[in-house]
Amino acid sequence: MTVIQKDIAHALGLSEMTISRGVRAMGRSWEPLSETTALALLVVGELRGLGLSWKAGAALVERFSGEVRYCSMDPANRSWVVFVERPDISFQMSSLSSSHLDSILEANPFVRTLALHRLVTDALDRLAELKTIKALAA
């Protein structure tokens, strides 16, 4: 069964318009709702649960869409988003291994990290649940 925007909206407790805006913010409004886009929206929902706004979450997921895809391919794949803020510069970067993350943390001890792989795993579980509910309702 195909998950549609209405299903995502209901699962996240949002309006269909908010989901539509999220799809547009990720630059995917021209395509039908694919599983990749549904997963991305659910990851944004997970970020929202951490306190990020819908718009900021959508921008973050779009920026790190390759990492989201990488984490969704295999449960063993890991990815962290690192937020570096220094007086002279601030930026975001990803790390795909714990050793790389350790070296970033060593060079920049006061950074924030986000375990993207955990959010993707939770979003994948939610997507599977939505598909099951939809299949049972059919």
C-alpha atoms as a PDB file:
ATOM      1  CA  MET A   1       0.000   0.000   0.000  1.00  0.00           C
ATOM      2  CA  THR A   2       1.235   3.458  -0.875  1.00  0.00           C
ATOM      3  CA  VAL A   3       1.525   6.012   1.902  1.00  0.00           C
ATOM      4  CA  ILE A   4       0.177   9.447   0.942  1.00  0.00           C
ATOM      5  CA  GLN A   5       0.676  12.920   2.406  1.00  0.00           C
ATOM      6  CA  LYS A   6      -2.559  12.597   4.382  1.00  0.00           C
ATOM      7  CA  ASP A   7      -1.186   9.497   6.148  1.00  0.00           C
ATOM      8  CA  ILE A   8       2.031  11.312   7.053  1.00  0.00           C
ATOM      9  CA  ALA A   9       0.055  14.326   8.305  1.00  0.00           C
ATOM     10  CA  HIS A  10      -2.115  12.114  10.494  1.00  0.00           C
ATOM     11  CA  ALA A  11       0.898  10.207  11.874  1.00  0.00           C
ATOM     12  CA  LEU A  12       2.702  13.433  12.779  1.00  0.00           C
ATOM     13  CA  GLY A  13      -0.377  15.269  14.032  1.00  0.00           C
ATOM     14  CA  LEU A  14      -0.001  17.973  11.394  1.00  0.00           C
ATOM     15  CA  SER A  15      -2.174  19.375   8.642  1.00  0.00           C
ATOM     16  CA  GLU A  16      -1.877  18.180   5.068  1.00  0.00           C
ATOM     17  CA  MET A  17      -0.888  21.741   4.121  1.00  0.00           C
ATOM     18  CA  THR A  18       2.069  21.607   6.529  1.00  0.00           C
ATOM     19  CA  ILE A  19       3.204  18.343   4.958  1.00  0.00           C
ATOM     20  CA  SER A  20       2.777  19.855   1.495  1.00  0.00           C
ATOM     21  CA  ARG A  21       4.918  22.821   2.525  1.00  0.00           C
ATOM     22  CA  GLY A  22       7.537  20.423   3.875  1.00  0.00           C
ATOM     23  CA  VAL A  23       7.630  18.593   0.555  1.00  0.00           C
ATOM     24  CA  ARG A  24       8.028  21.927  -1.227  1.00  0.00           C
ATOM     25  CA  ALA A  25      10.751  23.071   1.222  1.00  0.00           C
ATOM     26  CA  MET A  26      12.704  19.929   0.362  1.00  0.00           C
ATOM     27  CA  GLY A  27      12.378  20.695  -3.343  1.00  0.00           C
ATOM     28  CA  ARG A  28      10.269  17.620  -4.059  1.00  0.00           C
ATOM     29  CA  SER A  29       6.853  19.106  -4.803  1.00  0.00           C
ATOM     30  CA  TRP A  30       7.008  18.116  -8.480  1.00  0.00           C
ATOM     31  CA  GLU A  31       7.147  14.379  -7.815  1.00  0.00           C
ATOM     32  CA  PRO A  32       4.564  11.966  -6.402  1.00  0.00           C
ATOM     33  CA  LEU A  33       5.150  11.086  -2.755  1.00  0.00           C
ATOM     34  CA  SER A  34       7.874   8.455  -2.959  1.00  0.00           C
ATOM     35  CA  GLU A  35       9.053   6.266  -0.116  1.00  0.00           C
ATOM     36  CA  THR A  36      12.212   8.392   0.078  1.00  0.00           C
ATOM     37  CA  THR A  37      10.177  11.577   0.474  1.00  0.00           C
ATOM     38  CA  ALA A  38       7.853   9.918   3.004  1.00  0.00           C
ATOM     39  CA  LEU A  39      10.895   8.837   5.017  1.00  0.00           C
ATOM     40  CA  ALA A  40      12.366  12.338   4.826  1.00  0.00           C
ATOM     41  CA  LEU A  41       9.093  13.822   6.119  1.00  0.00           C
ATOM     42  CA  LEU A  42       9.033  11.365   9.004  1.00  0.00           C
ATOM     43  CA  VAL A  43      12.644  12.258   9.870  1.00  0.00           C
ATOM     44  CA  VAL A  44      11.570  15.923   9.919  1.00  0.00           C
ATOM     45  CA  GLY A  45       8.813  14.844  12.298  1.00  0.00           C
ATOM     46  CA  GLU A  46      11.428  13.227  14.547  1.00  0.00           C
ATOM     47  CA  LEU A  47      13.479  16.446  14.466  1.00  0.00           C
ATOM     48  CA  ARG A  48      10.349  18.360  15.390  1.00  0.00           C
ATOM     49  CA  GLY A  49      10.099  16.163  18.463  1.00  0.00           C
ATOM     50  CA  LEU A  50      13.585  17.363  19.413  1.00  0.00           C
ATOM     51  CA  GLY A  51      12.477  20.998  19.254  1.00  0.00           C
ATOM     52  CA  LEU A  52      13.408  22.042  15.714  1.00  0.00           C
ATOM     53  CA  SER A  53      10.829  23.954  13.734  1.00  0.00           C
ATOM     54  CA  TRP A  54       9.234  22.224  10.760  1.00  0.00           C
ATOM     55  CA  LYS A  55      11.042  24.558   8.353  1.00  0.00           C
ATOM     56  CA  ALA A  56      14.455  24.115  10.008  1.00  0.00           C
ATOM     57  CA  GLY A  57      13.986  20.342  10.149  1.00  0.00           C
ATOM     58  CA  ALA A  58      13.029  20.186   6.463  1.00  0.00           C
ATOM     59  CA  ALA A  59      16.076  22.267   5.534  1.00  0.00           C
ATOM     60  CA  LEU A  60      18.356  20.033   7.611  1.00  0.00           C
ATOM     61  CA  VAL A  61      16.948  16.831   6.106  1.00  0.00           C
ATOM     62  CA  GLU A  62      17.269  18.246   2.598  1.00  0.00           C
ATOM     63  CA  ARG A  63      20.858  19.323   3.243  1.00  0.00           C
ATOM     64  CA  PHE A  64      21.790  15.890   4.572  1.00  0.00           C
ATOM     65  CA  SER A  65      19.503  13.855   2.306  1.00  0.00           C
ATOM     66  CA  GLY A  66      22.395  11.660   1.178  1.00  0.00           C
ATOM     67  CA  GLU A  67      23.136  10.734   4.774  1.00  0.00           C
ATOM     68  CA  VAL A  68      19.450   9.993   5.411  1.00  0.00           C
ATOM     69  CA  ARG A  69      19.443   7.711   2.366  1.00  0.00           C
ATOM     70  CA  TYR A  70      22.702   6.064   3.527  1.00  0.00           C
ATOM     71  CA  CYS A  71      21.268   5.340   6.986  1.00  0.00           C
ATOM     72  CA  SER A  72      18.056   3.962   5.498  1.00  0.00           C
ATOM     73  CA  MET A  73      19.922   1.416   3.352  1.00  0.00           C
ATOM     74  CA  ASP A  74      21.284  -0.656   6.242  1.00  0.00           C
ATOM     75  CA  PRO A  75      20.575  -0.524   9.996  1.00  0.00           C
ATOM     76  CA  ALA A  76      24.324  -0.828  10.626  1.00  0.00           C
ATOM     77  CA  ASN A  77      25.057   2.430   8.774  1.00  0.00           C
ATOM     78  CA  ARG A  78      25.735   5.370  11.064  1.00  0.00           C
ATOM     79  CA  SER A  79      25.740   9.107  10.492  1.00  0.00           C
ATOM     80  CA  TRP A  80      25.974  12.097  12.784  1.00  0.00           C
ATOM     81  CA  VAL A  81      25.309  15.724  12.006  1.00  0.00           C
ATOM     82  CA  VAL A  82      27.795  17.965  13.785  1.00  0.00           C
ATOM     83  CA  PHE A  83      26.937  21.586  14.533  1.00  0.00           C
ATOM     84  CA  VAL A  84      30.088  23.665  15.002  1.00  0.00           C
ATOM     85  CA  GLU A  85      29.699  27.176  16.376  1.00  0.00           C
ATOM     86  CA  ARG A  86      32.748  29.286  17.047  1.00  0.00           C
ATOM     87  CA  PRO A  87      33.024  33.044  17.442  1.00  0.00           C
ATOM     88  CA  ASP A  88      34.453  33.376  13.933  1.00  0.00           C
ATOM     89  CA  ILE A  89      32.393  30.762  12.064  1.00  0.00           C
ATOM     90  CA  SER A  90      29.551  28.304  12.337  1.00  0.00           C
ATOM     91  CA  PHE A  91      28.789  25.380  10.090  1.00  0.00           C
ATOM     92  CA  GLN A  92      27.263  21.915   9.921  1.00  0.00           C
ATOM     93  CA  MET A  93      28.914  18.773   8.682  1.00  0.00           C
ATOM     94  CA  SER A  94      28.287  15.066   8.722  1.00  0.00           C
ATOM     95  CA  SER A  95      30.333  12.181   9.978  1.00  0.00           C
ATOM     96  CA  LEU A  96      29.829   8.617   8.773  1.00  0.00           C
ATOM     97  CA  SER A  97      32.093   6.858  11.264  1.00  0.00           C
ATOM     98  CA  SER A  98      32.673   7.040  14.984  1.00  0.00           C
ATOM     99  CA  SER A  99      36.413   7.566  14.446  1.00  0.00           C
ATOM    100  CA  HIS A 100      35.719  10.566  12.209  1.00  0.00           C
ATOM    101  CA  LEU A 101      33.265  11.900  14.789  1.00  0.00           C
ATOM    102  CA  ASP A 102      35.894  11.459  17.514  1.00  0.00           C
ATOM    103  CA  SER A 103      38.425  13.473  15.508  1.00  0.00           C
ATOM    104  CA  ILE A 104      35.878  16.252  14.952  1.00  0.00           C
ATOM    105  CA  LEU A 105      35.059  16.314  18.666  1.00  0.00           C
ATOM    106  CA  GLU A 106      38.746  16.391  19.530  1.00  0.00           C
ATOM    107  CA  ALA A 107      39.341  19.392  17.268  1.00  0.00           C
ATOM    108  CA  ASN A 108      36.104  21.137  18.307  1.00  0.00           C
ATOM    109  CA  PRO A 109      35.212  20.146  21.865  1.00  0.00           C
ATOM    110  CA  PHE A 110      32.144  22.393  22.150  1.00  0.00           C
ATOM    111  CA  VAL A 111      30.014  21.117  19.307  1.00  0.00           C
ATOM    112  CA  ARG A 112      26.547  19.649  19.226  1.00  0.00           C
ATOM    113  CA  THR A 113      25.904  16.341  17.561  1.00  0.00           C
ATOM    114  CA  LEU A 114      22.769  14.730  16.252  1.00  0.00           C
ATOM    115  CA  ALA A 115      22.668  10.958  15.774  1.00  0.00           C
ATOM    116  CA  LEU A 116      20.911  11.003  12.413  1.00  0.00           C
ATOM    117  CA  HIS A 117      20.909   7.213  12.183  1.00  0.00           C
ATOM    118  CA  ARG A 118      18.668   6.979  15.256  1.00  0.00           C
ATOM    119  CA  LEU A 119      16.146   9.387  13.777  1.00  0.00           C
ATOM    120  CA  VAL A 120      16.166   7.491  10.484  1.00  0.00           C
ATOM    121  CA  THR A 121      15.638   4.174  12.287  1.00  0.00           C
ATOM    122  CA  ASP A 122      12.664   5.614  14.184  1.00  0.00           C
ATOM    123  CA  ALA A 123      11.266   7.091  10.963  1.00  0.00           C
ATOM    124  CA  LEU A 124      11.683   3.755   9.144  1.00  0.00           C
ATOM    125  CA  ASP A 125       9.797   2.007  11.950  1.00  0.00           C
ATOM    126  CA  ARG A 126       7.025   4.578  11.715  1.00  0.00           C
ATOM    127  CA  LEU A 127       6.866   4.216   7.922  1.00  0.00           C
ATOM    128  CA  ALA A 128       6.576   0.427   8.239  1.00  0.00           C
ATOM    129  CA  GLU A 129       3.812   0.918  10.796  1.00  0.00           C
ATOM    130  CA  LEU A 130       1.950   3.294   8.465  1.00  0.00           C
ATOM    131  CA  LYS A 131       2.207   0.791   5.610  1.00  0.00           C
ATOM    132  CA  THR A 132       0.898  -2.010   7.825  1.00  0.00           C
ATOM    133  CA  ILE A 133      -2.043   0.068   9.037  1.00  0.00           C
ATOM    134  CA  LYS A 134      -2.864   1.075   5.483  1.00  0.00           C
ATOM    135  CA  ALA A 135      -2.660  -2.530   4.250  1.00  0.00           C
ATOM    136  CA  LEU A 136      -4.940  -3.758   7.032  1.00  0.00           C
ATOM    137  CA  ALA A 137      -7.463  -1.012   6.289  1.00  0.00           C
ATOM    138  CA  ALA A 138      -7.645  -1.950   2.609  1.00  0.00           C
END
